[in-house]
C-alpha cells in the first residue's frame, strides 16, 4: 500500500506513527517544514492557504492508495476538497489510546471515494509489536 501524508511539520511524526500500523510499502509526505520521520520521500513546500495544499496534493496523489491528514480544522477542509477532486480515500481522523495492559491502540476513521477497494486491502485487526490497529469505515 502506498500512503501520502499531508501535514504541518509539527503534526507529521504523530500522523506517521498512526499510519505505521497499516504496514505501508511506500510513504511520501508533503509538509511545510523540516520533520524527522521515516518516510521514503519528504516534500517541503511553502504552503499557507488551504487551496495551495489541495493543489499540490492533487498533483502528487496519483498512484497512492490512501491519503492521511491530521484532524485539524484546516486539514479537514483540505481533505473534503481532495475527496471531491480525486478518487483516493483519506484518513479523516486518528486517535491513539493507551490501554490498561500497556498496548497502544490506534483508531483510524476513513472518508472519501474508493473505500470499497481500500477496505479489501486493510487488516481488520493486526498485531505489530505492541500496537494494535483497528479501521473504522464511515
Protein backbone atom coordinates (compact mmCIF):
# COMPACT_ATOMS: atom_id res chain seq x y z
CA UNK A 1 0.00 0.00 0.00
CA UNK A 2 1.23 3.48 -0.93
CA UNK A 3 0.34 6.29 1.50
CA UNK A 4 0.61 10.05 1.00
CA UNK A 5 0.85 12.11 4.22
CA UNK A 6 -0.16 15.77 4.14
CA UNK A 7 0.54 17.69 7.31
CA UNK A 8 2.16 20.64 9.02
CA UNK A 9 5.65 19.65 10.18
CA UNK A 10 4.62 19.65 13.87
CA UNK A 11 1.91 17.01 13.31
CA UNK A 12 3.82 14.80 10.87
CA UNK A 13 5.51 12.45 13.41
CA UNK A 14 2.16 11.64 15.10
CA UNK A 15 0.47 11.09 11.75
CA UNK A 16 3.30 8.82 10.58
CA UNK A 17 3.03 6.83 13.81
CA UNK A 18 -0.73 6.45 13.36
CA UNK A 19 -0.49 5.02 9.84
CA UNK A 20 2.50 2.77 10.55
CA UNK A 21 0.08 0.05 11.72
CA UNK A 22 -1.09 -0.24 8.11
CA UNK A 23 2.36 -1.56 7.12
CA UNK A 24 2.61 0.65 4.02
CA UNK A 25 5.17 -0.26 1.32
CA UNK A 26 5.87 3.39 0.47
CA UNK A 27 5.18 6.62 2.39
CA UNK A 28 5.59 10.09 0.94
CA UNK A 29 4.96 13.27 2.94
CA UNK A 30 4.08 16.83 1.96
CA UNK A 31 4.82 19.31 4.73
CA UNK A 32 5.69 22.95 5.33
CA UNK A 33 8.96 22.47 7.24
CA UNK A 34 11.69 20.08 8.39
CA UNK A 35 10.41 16.97 10.16
CA UNK A 36 12.21 13.90 11.46
CA UNK A 37 10.11 10.99 10.22
CA UNK A 38 10.97 7.74 8.48
CA UNK A 39 9.18 8.42 5.20
CA UNK A 40 10.50 7.32 1.82
CA UNK A 41 10.19 10.83 0.36
CA UNK A 42 9.71 14.19 2.12
CA UNK A 43 8.47 17.15 0.06
CA UNK A 44 8.79 20.53 1.83
CA UNK A 45 6.75 23.37 0.35
CA UNK A 46 5.89 26.89 1.47
CA UNK A 47 2.13 26.41 1.75
CA UNK A 48 -0.04 28.93 3.56
CA UNK A 49 -3.53 28.71 2.05
CA UNK A 50 -5.66 25.57 2.09
CA UNK A 51 -6.09 25.76 -1.68
CA UNK A 52 -2.28 25.52 -2.08
CA UNK A 53 -2.27 22.30 -0.01
CA UNK A 54 -5.10 20.91 -2.15
CA UNK A 55 -3.47 21.78 -5.48
CA UNK A 56 -0.13 20.23 -4.52
CA UNK A 57 -1.84 17.13 -3.11
CA UNK A 58 -3.88 16.65 -6.30
CA UNK A 59 -0.65 16.78 -8.34
CA UNK A 60 1.05 14.19 -6.09
CA UNK A 61 -1.90 11.87 -5.30
CA UNK A 62 -1.82 9.73 -8.44
CA UNK A 63 -0.68 6.21 -7.66
CA UNK A 64 -1.39 6.38 -3.93
CA UNK A 65 -3.88 4.07 -2.21
CA UNK A 66 -4.52 6.34 0.77
CA UNK A 67 -4.04 9.96 1.81
CA UNK A 68 -3.54 10.71 5.51
CA UNK A 69 -4.07 14.13 7.08
CA UNK A 70 -4.24 15.24 10.72
CA UNK A 71 -7.69 16.09 12.05
CA UNK A 72 -7.13 19.83 12.47
CA UNK A 73 -9.86 22.14 11.17
CA UNK A 74 -7.77 23.34 8.20
CA UNK A 75 -6.73 19.82 7.22
CA UNK A 76 -10.35 18.59 7.40
CA UNK A 77 -11.19 21.28 4.86
CA UNK A 78 -8.27 20.16 2.68
CA UNK A 79 -9.48 16.53 2.97
CA UNK A 80 -13.03 17.40 1.94
CA UNK A 81 -11.78 19.34 -1.11
CA UNK A 82 -9.46 16.49 -2.06
CA UNK A 83 -12.23 13.89 -1.85
CA UNK A 84 -14.24 15.88 -4.40
CA UNK A 85 -11.32 16.30 -6.82
CA UNK A 86 -9.71 12.85 -6.68
CA UNK A 87 -10.94 9.32 -6.05
CA UNK A 88 -8.44 8.40 -3.32
CA UNK A 89 -9.73 7.68 0.18
CA UNK A 90 -8.25 9.57 3.10
CA UNK A 91 -7.79 9.19 6.83
CA UNK A 92 -10.42 11.51 8.29
CA UNK A 93 -9.23 11.14 11.88
CA UNK A 94 -6.77 9.24 14.03
CA UNK A 95 -6.91 8.61 17.76
CA UNK A 96 -4.24 6.82 19.80
CA UNK A 97 -5.14 5.43 23.22
CA UNK A 98 -3.09 3.60 25.83
CA UNK A 99 -4.91 0.53 27.07
CA UNK A 100 -4.66 -0.77 30.62
CA UNK A 101 -2.44 -3.70 29.61
CA UNK A 102 0.16 -1.33 28.12
CA UNK A 103 -0.84 -1.72 24.45
CA UNK A 104 -1.16 1.34 22.25
CA UNK A 105 -4.43 1.30 20.29
CA UNK A 106 -4.82 3.34 17.11
CA UNK A 107 -8.27 4.02 15.68
CA UNK A 108 -8.39 5.46 12.16
CA UNK A 109 -11.56 6.80 10.52
CA UNK A 110 -11.62 6.86 6.74
CA UNK A 111 -13.58 9.05 4.31
CA UNK A 112 -13.67 9.90 0.61
CA UNK A 113 -14.16 7.80 -2.50
CA UNK A 114 -12.70 4.36 -3.12
CA UNK A 115 -13.33 2.92 0.35
CA UNK A 116 -14.50 -0.43 -1.06
CA UNK A 117 -11.11 -1.02 -2.67
CA UNK A 118 -9.23 0.18 0.41
CA UNK A 119 -11.26 -1.99 2.79
CA UNK A 120 -10.18 -5.11 0.91
CA UNK A 121 -6.50 -4.17 1.41
CA UNK A 122 -6.59 -3.47 5.16
CA UNK A 123 -6.49 -5.90 8.05
CA UNK A 124 -9.47 -5.60 10.37
CA UNK A 125 -7.11 -6.26 13.24
CA UNK A 126 -3.41 -6.89 13.16
CA UNK A 127 -0.66 -7.10 15.73
CA UNK A 128 2.52 -5.10 15.16
CA UNK A 129 4.82 -5.30 18.14
CA UNK A 130 2.89 -3.73 20.97
CA UNK A 131 0.49 -1.86 18.68
CA UNK A 132 -2.98 -2.92 17.58
CA UNK A 133 -4.71 -1.37 14.60
CA UNK A 134 -8.43 -1.09 14.01
CA UNK A 135 -10.02 0.53 10.96
CA UNK A 136 -13.43 2.19 11.14
CA UNK A 137 -15.11 2.98 7.81
CA UNK A 138 -17.81 5.61 7.56
